[in-house]
Structures are given as structure tokens and as C-alpha cells.
């Protein structure tokens, strides 16, 4: 649990595969182009070596830190996608009226309440079977498959870091599903996500809160993307803060941050072109 492809790529994005039109694009049309690009981007991101930094803190509701941990990984491409190598693990935890520090694995008291919370979150983020680039695969409605569950609404445009941006609101189609709602900022030129903000679309079902004593009030996520020199947009930062109430006796404030950095393209001859498609 704790757990090169030598080719040139022409990524047809944005207005590429879509008929030219004078009419403004709808939210659904914009997100359809985003989905096309996201479906293509997975193979492109596999050509990168980069570093990943994860920081997780578990606190009591009075603010007292119970466990604080940082982990550094090197992410390497392989035939199936990518693999992660843990390069550093260090943290501190409260035990017997004092803070104790640790470095490397195995992490001490991993089976305690806070140890279990922190280690499970870190392993989920580090597990490429459940996460891509450190993000849960079903967290944001960007790919074609995930977009099927959502309806989209166009909000007023804006600019960010000198680039023109579409602002899209998303909500789940099925009222009975406890899934995400939020907003995404889309680059108008490349039709790639720049930022995404989400929160639970509705409360955790009453039966779960009462029978199991589990709730996640205030849970929400944010992620920013950064454009690489060759045109690939990569998740750059991810963050969340929420309160975890579980099985009646667990009550913690959790904060998680992730940063991807030091991107290095393993194929210097690969180039991405954003071009209009007739």
C-alpha cells in the first residue's frame, strides 16, 4: 500500500476539432473541449519526471496538533503510467504529554487515531491506482467520463495572470448523489483547467451521520494547474481543510497540501501544438 516513449505529439485542443462558429460557446461546449484535452493529456504527463511534496496535519478541534507529517516523492514514468519513490518522510506526533519526532519508515504509532488518518491520506495521494498526479481520479469533472455526472453553467469571464479565462459552475445531475459541486477556471486559448474549486454538493446522508457517526462538514478541495514550456498543463498545487467526525469518538480538523514541482520532460524532441481544427 505504501506503497521512455519516444514520440512527438500534436495535441489538438480548444477550437481544434470543433466547427468554427461566430456564436459564443456554451458551458457544455467549453467543457467538452476540456474533456477532449484531458483525455489526451494523460499520456503526455507520463513523459515527465517531477517531485511531489505532501504535508498533512491532524488537529483536535481546539487547534492542538496531534500529528504533522511531510513526505517527498520522486515521480518517474514507466510503461503503465508512473511510479513514485519516497525520498523523505518526517514528522512529529503528540504522545504522553510531549511531541516526538520521527524520520523515515516505519512511521511510529501508525495504528493510532491520528497515525491512521495521516498515513491513509498520504498513501491515497501517493497511490497511482487511485490518484493521477496526486489527485483523486473522480474528484473533478474534467474528463469525458466524469463530466457525464454533471451539469455546467457559464459565469462571467475573467482574466488571470494575463490570460483570458472562462468561469464554469458545475453541479451534479442526480439530486440523490453526494458528489461535488463547485467552479472551474478554463484557459480560453488552450481549453485547459487553470483552477478548480469543489465542495460536497449536499450533506453526508442522515443515516450515515446517525448510524455510523460519520460526517465531513466543510470538506472541499482546490487545485491549480501550471502550463509547462511545451504546452502541457500539469496539476501544480492541491489543498483541502475539513473536519472529520467518525464513529462517534473521532473528531479532528484535517489539512492536506500537495505540491508538484521541478518538472523535467524526459523527451526533449516532443512538442505540443495548439492549432485550430477545421
C-alpha atoms as a PDB file:
ATOM      1  CA  UNK A   1       0.000   0.000   0.000  1.00  0.00           C
ATOM      2  CA  UNK A   2       2.954   2.234   0.736  1.00  0.00           C
ATOM      3  CA  UNK A   3       3.433   1.665  -1.157  1.00  0.00           C
ATOM      4  CA  UNK A   4      10.631   6.214 -22.493  1.00  0.00           C
ATOM      5  CA  UNK A   5       8.153   6.637 -25.136  1.00  0.00           C
ATOM      6  CA  UNK A   6       9.957   8.499 -27.901  1.00  0.00           C
ATOM      7  CA  UNK A   7       7.336  10.308 -29.927  1.00  0.00           C
ATOM      8  CA  UNK A   8       6.265  13.780 -30.969  1.00  0.00           C
ATOM      9  CA  UNK A   9       2.775  14.807 -30.029  1.00  0.00           C
ATOM     10  CA  UNK A  10       0.433  17.170 -31.750  1.00  0.00           C
ATOM     11  CA  UNK A  11      -2.315  17.935 -29.241  1.00  0.00           C
ATOM     12  CA  UNK A  12      -5.393  19.238 -30.956  1.00  0.00           C
ATOM     13  CA  UNK A  13      -7.017  21.382 -28.343  1.00  0.00           C
ATOM     14  CA  UNK A  14      -9.570  24.065 -27.829  1.00  0.00           C
ATOM     15  CA  UNK A  15     -11.137  25.153 -31.056  1.00  0.00           C
ATOM     16  CA  UNK A  16      -9.373  22.365 -32.920  1.00  0.00           C
ATOM     17  CA  UNK A  17     -11.829  19.533 -33.560  1.00  0.00           C
ATOM     18  CA  UNK A  18     -14.810  21.810 -33.340  1.00  0.00           C
ATOM     19  CA  UNK A  19     -16.542  23.690 -36.180  1.00  0.00           C
ATOM     20  CA  UNK A  20     -15.818  27.390 -36.285  1.00  0.00           C
ATOM     21  CA  UNK A  21     -18.744  29.477 -35.091  1.00  0.00           C
ATOM     22  CA  UNK A  22     -19.448  33.144 -34.517  1.00  0.00           C
ATOM     23  CA  UNK A  23     -21.794  32.348 -31.630  1.00  0.00           C
ATOM     24  CA  UNK A  24     -20.343  32.353 -28.109  1.00  0.00           C
ATOM     25  CA  UNK A  25     -19.543  28.928 -26.763  1.00  0.00           C
ATOM     26  CA  UNK A  26     -21.879  27.405 -24.209  1.00  0.00           C
ATOM     27  CA  UNK A  27     -20.664  25.937 -20.924  1.00  0.00           C
ATOM     28  CA  UNK A  28     -21.248  22.408 -22.270  1.00  0.00           C
ATOM     29  CA  UNK A  29     -19.240  23.140 -25.437  1.00  0.00           C
ATOM     30  CA  UNK A  30     -16.369  24.568 -23.412  1.00  0.00           C
ATOM     31  CA  UNK A  31     -16.280  21.602 -21.064  1.00  0.00           C
ATOM     32  CA  UNK A  32     -16.476  19.176 -23.996  1.00  0.00           C
ATOM     33  CA  UNK A  33     -13.263  20.657 -25.340  1.00  0.00           C
ATOM     34  CA  UNK A  34     -11.695  20.492 -21.898  1.00  0.00           C
ATOM     35  CA  UNK A  35     -12.662  16.815 -21.708  1.00  0.00           C
ATOM     36  CA  UNK A  36     -11.052  16.136 -25.082  1.00  0.00           C
ATOM     37  CA  UNK A  37      -7.805  17.734 -23.924  1.00  0.00           C
ATOM     38  CA  UNK A  38      -7.871  15.971 -20.564  1.00  0.00           C
ATOM     39  CA  UNK A  39      -8.416  12.615 -22.239  1.00  0.00           C
ATOM     40  CA  UNK A  40      -5.298  13.274 -24.337  1.00  0.00           C
ATOM     41  CA  UNK A  41      -3.168  14.799 -21.587  1.00  0.00           C
ATOM     42  CA  UNK A  42      -2.710  11.665 -19.507  1.00  0.00           C
ATOM     43  CA  UNK A  43      -0.145  10.146 -21.883  1.00  0.00           C
ATOM     44  CA  UNK A  44       1.663  13.470 -22.186  1.00  0.00           C
ATOM     45  CA  UNK A  45       2.085  13.909 -18.439  1.00  0.00           C
ATOM     46  CA  UNK A  46       3.625  10.451 -18.243  1.00  0.00           C
ATOM     47  CA  UNK A  47       6.643  11.855 -20.049  1.00  0.00           C
ATOM     48  CA  UNK A  48       7.580  13.965 -17.052  1.00  0.00           C
ATOM     49  CA  UNK A  49       9.830  13.386 -14.089  1.00  0.00           C
ATOM     50  CA  UNK A  50       8.911  15.640 -11.184  1.00  0.00           C
ATOM     51  CA  UNK A  51       8.934  15.990  -7.424  1.00  0.00           C
ATOM     52  CA  UNK A  52       5.911  15.806  -5.163  1.00  0.00           C
ATOM     53  CA  UNK A  53       5.659  17.257  -1.670  1.00  0.00           C
ATOM     54  CA  UNK A  54       2.775  16.240   0.649  1.00  0.00           C
ATOM     55  CA  UNK A  55       2.030  17.860   4.004  1.00  0.00           C
ATOM     56  CA  UNK A  56      -0.753  16.548   6.276  1.00  0.00           C
ATOM     57  CA  UNK A  57      -1.781  17.761   9.724  1.00  0.00           C
ATOM     58  CA  UNK A  58      -4.319  16.312  12.149  1.00  0.00           C
ATOM     59  CA  UNK A  59      -5.551  18.603  14.950  1.00  0.00           C
ATOM     60  CA  UNK A  60      -8.043  18.445  17.731  1.00  0.00           C
ATOM     61  CA  UNK A  61     -10.919  20.897  17.308  1.00  0.00           C
ATOM     62  CA  UNK A  62      -9.263  23.208  19.863  1.00  0.00           C
ATOM     63  CA  UNK A  63      -6.333  23.592  17.476  1.00  0.00           C
ATOM     64  CA  UNK A  64      -3.864  21.286  19.210  1.00  0.00           C
ATOM     65  CA  UNK A  65      -1.673  19.485  16.669  1.00  0.00           C
ATOM     66  CA  UNK A  66      -1.800  15.728  17.189  1.00  0.00           C
ATOM     67  CA  UNK A  67       0.237  14.658  14.175  1.00  0.00           C
ATOM     68  CA  UNK A  68       2.090  16.609  11.486  1.00  0.00           C
ATOM     69  CA  UNK A  69       3.856  14.896   8.610  1.00  0.00           C
ATOM     70  CA  UNK A  70       5.662  15.780   5.393  1.00  0.00           C
ATOM     71  CA  UNK A  71       6.597  13.354   2.639  1.00  0.00           C
ATOM     72  CA  UNK A  72       8.644  13.911  -0.509  1.00  0.00           C
ATOM     73  CA  UNK A  73       8.441  11.723  -3.603  1.00  0.00           C
ATOM     74  CA  UNK A  74      10.164  11.453  -6.945  1.00  0.00           C
ATOM     75  CA  UNK A  75       7.691  10.601  -9.680  1.00  0.00           C
ATOM     76  CA  UNK A  76       9.066   8.602 -12.599  1.00  0.00           C
ATOM     77  CA  UNK A  77       7.393   7.447 -15.834  1.00  0.00           C
ATOM     78  CA  UNK A  78       7.012   3.762 -16.615  1.00  0.00           C
ATOM     79  CA  UNK A  79       5.181   1.579 -19.125  1.00  0.00           C
ATOM     80  CA  UNK A  80       1.913   1.668 -17.174  1.00  0.00           C
ATOM     81  CA  UNK A  81       1.995   5.350 -16.290  1.00  0.00           C
ATOM     82  CA  UNK A  82       4.211   6.441 -13.430  1.00  0.00           C
ATOM     83  CA  UNK A  83       5.688   5.247 -10.175  1.00  0.00           C
ATOM     84  CA  UNK A  84       6.561   7.115  -7.015  1.00  0.00           C
ATOM     85  CA  UNK A  85       9.673   6.733  -4.914  1.00  0.00           C
ATOM     86  CA  UNK A  86       9.579   8.025  -1.352  1.00  0.00           C
ATOM     87  CA  UNK A  87      12.705  10.121  -0.828  1.00  0.00           C
ATOM     88  CA  UNK A  88      11.967  11.630   2.587  1.00  0.00           C
ATOM     89  CA  UNK A  89       9.438  11.167   5.380  1.00  0.00           C
ATOM     90  CA  UNK A  90       9.465  13.150   8.593  1.00  0.00           C
ATOM     91  CA  UNK A  91       7.004  14.335  11.180  1.00  0.00           C
ATOM     92  CA  UNK A  92       6.018  14.779  14.789  1.00  0.00           C
ATOM     93  CA  UNK A  93       3.213  13.475  16.974  1.00  0.00           C
ATOM     94  CA  UNK A  94       1.820  14.067  20.438  1.00  0.00           C
ATOM     95  CA  UNK A  95       2.435  11.211  22.836  1.00  0.00           C
ATOM     96  CA  UNK A  96       2.496  11.131  26.652  1.00  0.00           C
ATOM     97  CA  UNK A  97       2.391  14.923  27.059  1.00  0.00           C
ATOM     98  CA  UNK A  98       5.184  15.644  24.603  1.00  0.00           C
ATOM     99  CA  UNK A  99       5.940  15.896  20.899  1.00  0.00           C
ATOM    100  CA  UNK A 100       8.078  13.123  19.476  1.00  0.00           C
ATOM    101  CA  UNK A 101       9.718  13.392  16.081  1.00  0.00           C
ATOM    102  CA  UNK A 102      10.387  10.702  13.516  1.00  0.00           C
ATOM    103  CA  UNK A 103      12.153  10.333  10.212  1.00  0.00           C
ATOM    104  CA  UNK A 104      11.774   7.589   7.642  1.00  0.00           C
ATOM    105  CA  UNK A 105       9.670   4.459   7.694  1.00  0.00           C
ATOM    106  CA  UNK A 106       8.140   2.742   9.502  1.00  0.00           C
ATOM    107  CA  UNK A 107       6.310   5.737  10.962  1.00  0.00           C
ATOM    108  CA  UNK A 108       5.649   5.265  14.683  1.00  0.00           C
ATOM    109  CA  UNK A 109       2.165   4.739  16.106  1.00  0.00           C
ATOM    110  CA  UNK A 110       0.744   4.444  12.597  1.00  0.00           C
ATOM    111  CA  UNK A 111      -2.190   2.482  14.030  1.00  0.00           C
ATOM    112  CA  UNK A 112      -3.252   5.274  16.423  1.00  0.00           C
ATOM    113  CA  UNK A 113      -6.209   7.503  15.512  1.00  0.00           C
ATOM    114  CA  UNK A 114      -4.075  10.307  14.111  1.00  0.00           C
ATOM    115  CA  UNK A 115      -1.450   7.977  12.714  1.00  0.00           C
ATOM    116  CA  UNK A 116      -4.101   6.063  10.828  1.00  0.00           C
ATOM    117  CA  UNK A 117      -5.730   9.232   9.447  1.00  0.00           C
ATOM    118  CA  UNK A 118      -2.454  10.763   8.272  1.00  0.00           C
ATOM    119  CA  UNK A 119      -0.928   7.602   6.831  1.00  0.00           C
ATOM    120  CA  UNK A 120      -4.157   6.678   4.988  1.00  0.00           C
ATOM    121  CA  UNK A 121      -4.410  10.129   3.422  1.00  0.00           C
ATOM    122  CA  UNK A 122      -0.755  10.120   2.384  1.00  0.00           C
ATOM    123  CA  UNK A 123      -0.980   6.658   0.899  1.00  0.00           C
ATOM    124  CA  UNK A 124      -4.149   7.560  -1.009  1.00  0.00           C
ATOM    125  CA  UNK A 125      -2.396  10.550  -2.556  1.00  0.00           C
ATOM    126  CA  UNK A 126       0.703   8.521  -3.344  1.00  0.00           C
ATOM    127  CA  UNK A 127      -1.155   5.541  -4.841  1.00  0.00           C
ATOM    128  CA  UNK A 128      -1.237   5.940  -8.640  1.00  0.00           C
ATOM    129  CA  UNK A 129      -4.067   3.375  -8.890  1.00  0.00           C
ATOM    130  CA  UNK A 130      -6.383   5.711  -7.021  1.00  0.00           C
ATOM    131  CA  UNK A 131      -4.859   9.059  -7.937  1.00  0.00           C
ATOM    132  CA  UNK A 132      -3.384  10.721 -11.010  1.00  0.00           C
ATOM    133  CA  UNK A 133      -0.668  13.304 -10.416  1.00  0.00           C
ATOM    134  CA  UNK A 134      -1.657  13.238  -6.759  1.00  0.00           C
ATOM    135  CA  UNK A 135      -5.344  13.962  -7.388  1.00  0.00           C
ATOM    136  CA  UNK A 136      -8.208  11.544  -6.909  1.00  0.00           C
ATOM    137  CA  UNK A 137      -9.337  10.455 -10.368  1.00  0.00           C
ATOM    138  CA  UNK A 138     -13.033  11.142  -9.683  1.00  0.00           C
ATOM    139  CA  UNK A 139     -12.662  14.380  -7.734  1.00  0.00           C
ATOM    140  CA  UNK A 140     -13.021  16.936 -10.523  1.00  0.00           C
ATOM    141  CA  UNK A 141     -15.388  16.715 -13.541  1.00  0.00           C
ATOM    142  CA  UNK A 142     -12.793  17.290 -16.253  1.00  0.00           C
ATOM    143  CA  UNK A 143     -12.603  14.058 -18.264  1.00  0.00           C
ATOM    144  CA  UNK A 144     -15.368  12.818 -20.564  1.00  0.00           C
ATOM    145  CA  UNK A 145     -16.337  10.079 -18.142  1.00  0.00           C
ATOM    146  CA  UNK A 146     -16.619  12.332 -15.097  1.00  0.00           C
ATOM    147  CA  UNK A 147     -18.474  15.095 -16.960  1.00  0.00           C
ATOM    148  CA  UNK A 148     -21.387  12.754 -17.625  1.00  0.00           C
ATOM    149  CA  UNK A 149     -22.450  13.179 -13.991  1.00  0.00           C
ATOM    150  CA  UNK A 150     -22.615  16.992 -14.047  1.00  0.00           C
ATOM    151  CA  UNK A 151     -24.446  19.983 -15.463  1.00  0.00           C
ATOM    152  CA  UNK A 152     -22.496  23.157 -16.274  1.00  0.00           C
ATOM    153  CA  UNK A 153     -23.325  26.859 -16.174  1.00  0.00           C
ATOM    154  CA  UNK A 154     -21.280  29.704 -17.685  1.00  0.00           C
ATOM    155  CA  UNK A 155     -20.373  32.512 -15.276  1.00  0.00           C
ATOM    156  CA  UNK A 156     -18.846  35.934 -16.103  1.00  0.00           C
ATOM    157  CA  UNK A 157     -15.437  35.701 -17.791  1.00  0.00           C
ATOM    158  CA  UNK A 158     -12.294  36.985 -16.134  1.00  0.00           C
ATOM    159  CA  UNK A 159      -8.535  37.260 -16.585  1.00  0.00           C
ATOM    160  CA  UNK A 160      -5.874  35.528 -14.540  1.00  0.00           C
ATOM    161  CA  UNK A 161      -2.119  36.017 -14.812  1.00  0.00           C
ATOM    162  CA  UNK A 162      -2.621  37.853 -18.090  1.00  0.00           C
ATOM    163  CA  UNK A 163      -4.667  35.047 -19.721  1.00  0.00           C
ATOM    164  CA  UNK A 164      -8.365  35.150 -20.585  1.00  0.00           C
ATOM    165  CA  UNK A 165     -10.439  32.713 -18.584  1.00  0.00           C
ATOM    166  CA  UNK A 166     -13.830  31.039 -18.817  1.00  0.00           C
ATOM    167  CA  UNK A 167     -15.530  30.564 -15.458  1.00  0.00           C
ATOM    168  CA  UNK A 168     -17.764  27.488 -15.248  1.00  0.00           C
ATOM    169  CA  UNK A 169     -20.072  26.424 -12.418  1.00  0.00           C
ATOM    170  CA  UNK A 170     -20.773  22.686 -12.053  1.00  0.00           C
ATOM    171  CA  UNK A 171     -23.404  20.735 -10.091  1.00  0.00           C
ATOM    172  CA  UNK A 172     -24.365  17.040 -10.038  1.00  0.00           C
ATOM    173  CA  UNK A 173     -27.228  15.972 -12.298  1.00  0.00           C
ATOM    174  CA  UNK A 174     -28.609  13.429  -9.831  1.00  0.00           C
ATOM    175  CA  UNK A 175     -30.018  15.065  -6.714  1.00  0.00           C
ATOM    176  CA  UNK A 176     -29.614  11.882  -4.721  1.00  0.00           C
ATOM    177  CA  UNK A 177     -25.856  11.633  -5.216  1.00  0.00           C
ATOM    178  CA  UNK A 178     -23.493  13.028  -2.598  1.00  0.00           C
ATOM    179  CA  UNK A 179     -20.912  14.281  -5.064  1.00  0.00           C
ATOM    180  CA  UNK A 180     -19.108  17.508  -5.780  1.00  0.00           C
ATOM    181  CA  UNK A 181     -20.164  20.962  -6.904  1.00  0.00           C
ATOM    182  CA  UNK A 182     -18.008  23.999  -7.489  1.00  0.00           C
ATOM    183  CA  UNK A 183     -16.307  26.135 -10.111  1.00  0.00           C
ATOM    184  CA  UNK A 184     -13.531  25.686 -12.625  1.00  0.00           C
ATOM    185  CA  UNK A 185     -11.499  28.339 -14.426  1.00  0.00           C
ATOM    186  CA  UNK A 186     -10.671  27.378 -18.023  1.00  0.00           C
ATOM    187  CA  UNK A 187      -7.948  28.930 -20.182  1.00  0.00           C
ATOM    188  CA  UNK A 188      -9.651  30.381 -23.288  1.00  0.00           C
ATOM    189  CA  UNK A 189      -6.736  29.685 -25.622  1.00  0.00           C
ATOM    190  CA  UNK A 190      -5.773  26.147 -24.629  1.00  0.00           C
ATOM    191  CA  UNK A 191      -9.100  24.974 -23.136  1.00  0.00           C
ATOM    192  CA  UNK A 192      -7.273  23.597 -20.126  1.00  0.00           C
ATOM    193  CA  UNK A 193      -8.196  23.969 -16.437  1.00  0.00           C
ATOM    194  CA  UNK A 194      -6.334  26.692 -14.563  1.00  0.00           C
ATOM    195  CA  UNK A 195      -8.068  26.287 -11.205  1.00  0.00           C
ATOM    196  CA  UNK A 196     -10.800  24.065  -9.794  1.00  0.00           C
ATOM    197  CA  UNK A 197     -12.678  24.543  -6.526  1.00  0.00           C
ATOM    198  CA  UNK A 198     -15.069  21.930  -5.147  1.00  0.00           C
ATOM    199  CA  UNK A 199     -17.200  21.167  -2.114  1.00  0.00           C
ATOM    200  CA  UNK A 200     -19.751  18.485  -1.318  1.00  0.00           C
ATOM    201  CA  UNK A 201     -22.947  19.150  -3.229  1.00  0.00           C
ATOM    202  CA  UNK A 202     -25.007  18.156  -0.193  1.00  0.00           C
ATOM    203  CA  UNK A 203     -24.584  16.847   3.301  1.00  0.00           C
ATOM    204  CA  UNK A 204     -23.449  13.356   4.089  1.00  0.00           C
ATOM    205  CA  UNK A 205     -26.709  11.332   4.249  1.00  0.00           C
ATOM    206  CA  UNK A 206     -28.507  11.466   7.585  1.00  0.00           C
ATOM    207  CA  UNK A 207     -28.447   7.686   8.041  1.00  0.00           C
ATOM    208  CA  UNK A 208     -24.646   7.651   7.800  1.00  0.00           C
ATOM    209  CA  UNK A 209     -24.273  10.540  10.215  1.00  0.00           C
ATOM    210  CA  UNK A 210     -26.580   8.962  12.778  1.00  0.00           C
ATOM    211  CA  UNK A 211     -25.968   5.230  12.408  1.00  0.00           C
ATOM    212  CA  UNK A 212     -22.227   5.374  11.789  1.00  0.00           C
ATOM    213  CA  UNK A 213     -21.420   8.655  13.478  1.00  0.00           C
ATOM    214  CA  UNK A 214     -19.551   9.865  10.413  1.00  0.00           C
ATOM    215  CA  UNK A 215     -19.622  13.352   8.926  1.00  0.00           C
ATOM    216  CA  UNK A 216     -17.345  15.621   6.870  1.00  0.00           C
ATOM    217  CA  UNK A 217     -18.552  19.184   7.489  1.00  0.00           C
ATOM    218  CA  UNK A 218     -16.785  21.847   5.456  1.00  0.00           C
ATOM    219  CA  UNK A 219     -14.943  19.453   3.177  1.00  0.00           C
ATOM    220  CA  UNK A 220     -13.794  20.982  -0.087  1.00  0.00           C
ATOM    221  CA  UNK A 221     -10.809  20.885  -2.415  1.00  0.00           C
ATOM    222  CA  UNK A 222      -8.876  23.289  -4.603  1.00  0.00           C
ATOM    223  CA  UNK A 223      -6.301  22.610  -7.283  1.00  0.00           C
ATOM    224  CA  UNK A 224      -4.239  24.855  -9.533  1.00  0.00           C
ATOM    225  CA  UNK A 225      -2.645  23.929 -12.853  1.00  0.00           C
ATOM    226  CA  UNK A 226       0.563  25.251 -14.382  1.00  0.00           C
ATOM    227  CA  UNK A 227       1.408  25.406 -18.078  1.00  0.00           C
ATOM    228  CA  UNK A 228       4.743  23.832 -18.964  1.00  0.00           C
ATOM    229  CA  UNK A 229       7.009  25.325 -21.676  1.00  0.00           C
ATOM    230  CA  UNK A 230       5.989  22.657 -24.206  1.00  0.00           C
ATOM    231  CA  UNK A 231       2.280  23.375 -23.642  1.00  0.00           C
ATOM    232  CA  UNK A 232       1.308  20.616 -21.210  1.00  0.00           C
ATOM    233  CA  UNK A 233      -0.830  21.781 -18.278  1.00  0.00           C
ATOM    234  CA  UNK A 234       0.071  19.989 -15.080  1.00  0.00           C
ATOM    235  CA  UNK A 235      -1.597  19.924 -11.639  1.00  0.00           C
ATOM    236  CA  UNK A 236       0.671  22.137  -9.579  1.00  0.00           C
ATOM    237  CA  UNK A 237      -0.932  22.504  -6.139  1.00  0.00           C
ATOM    238  CA  UNK A 238      -3.745  20.793  -4.282  1.00  0.00           C
ATOM    239  CA  UNK A 239      -5.223  21.632  -0.912  1.00  0.00           C
ATOM    240  CA  UNK A 240      -8.063  20.883   1.447  1.00  0.00           C
ATOM    241  CA  UNK A 241      -9.125  21.532   5.018  1.00  0.00           C
ATOM    242  CA  UNK A 242     -12.060  19.770   6.642  1.00  0.00           C
ATOM    243  CA  UNK A 243     -13.424  18.399   9.881  1.00  0.00           C
ATOM    244  CA  UNK A 244     -13.612  14.641  10.242  1.00  0.00           C
ATOM    245  CA  UNK A 245     -16.204  13.196  12.591  1.00  0.00           C
ATOM    246  CA  UNK A 246     -16.238   9.405  12.560  1.00  0.00           C
ATOM    247  CA  UNK A 247     -17.524   6.522  14.681  1.00  0.00           C
ATOM    248  CA  UNK A 248     -18.652   8.918  17.421  1.00  0.00           C
ATOM    249  CA  UNK A 249     -15.265   9.383  19.112  1.00  0.00           C
ATOM    250  CA  UNK A 250     -13.056  10.725  16.284  1.00  0.00           C
ATOM    251  CA  UNK A 251     -13.270  14.499  15.876  1.00  0.00           C
ATOM    252  CA  UNK A 252     -10.364  16.082  14.037  1.00  0.00           C
ATOM    253  CA  UNK A 253      -9.571  19.068  11.828  1.00  0.00           C
ATOM    254  CA  UNK A 254      -7.530  17.850   8.869  1.00  0.00           C
ATOM    255  CA  UNK A 255      -5.416  19.895   6.456  1.00  0.00           C
ATOM    256  CA  UNK A 256      -3.739  18.464   3.367  1.00  0.00           C
ATOM    257  CA  UNK A 257      -1.494  20.199   0.869  1.00  0.00           C
ATOM    258  CA  UNK A 258       0.320  18.793  -2.141  1.00  0.00           C
ATOM    259  CA  UNK A 259       2.771  20.454  -4.491  1.00  0.00           C
ATOM    260  CA  UNK A 260       4.230  19.157  -7.735  1.00  0.00           C
ATOM    261  CA  UNK A 261       7.456  20.866  -8.827  1.00  0.00           C
ATOM    262  CA  UNK A 262      10.759  20.561 -10.694  1.00  0.00           C
ATOM    263  CA  UNK A 263       9.130  19.204 -13.853  1.00  0.00           C
ATOM    264  CA  UNK A 264      11.572  17.683 -16.314  1.00  0.00           C
ATOM    265  CA  UNK A 265      10.475  16.452 -19.715  1.00  0.00           C
ATOM    266  CA  UNK A 266      12.036  13.089 -20.496  1.00  0.00           C
ATOM    267  CA  UNK A 267      11.610  13.581 -24.255  1.00  0.00           C
ATOM    268  CA  UNK A 268      13.134  16.828 -25.421  1.00  0.00           C
ATOM    269  CA  UNK A 269      12.038  16.145 -29.016  1.00  0.00           C
ATOM    270  CA  UNK A 270       8.333  16.076 -28.110  1.00  0.00           C
ATOM    271  CA  UNK A 271       6.363  19.201 -28.931  1.00  0.00           C
ATOM    272  CA  UNK A 272       2.738  20.123 -28.436  1.00  0.00           C
ATOM    273  CA  UNK A 273       0.981  22.387 -30.906  1.00  0.00           C
ATOM    274  CA  UNK A 274      -2.351  24.030 -30.204  1.00  0.00           C
ATOM    275  CA  UNK A 275      -3.878  24.586 -33.615  1.00  0.00           C
ATOM    276  CA  UNK A 276      -7.303  25.354 -34.985  1.00  0.00           C
ATOM    277  CA  UNK A 277      -9.142  22.366 -36.437  1.00  0.00           C
ATOM    278  CA  UNK A 278     -11.374  22.898 -39.398  1.00  0.00           C
END
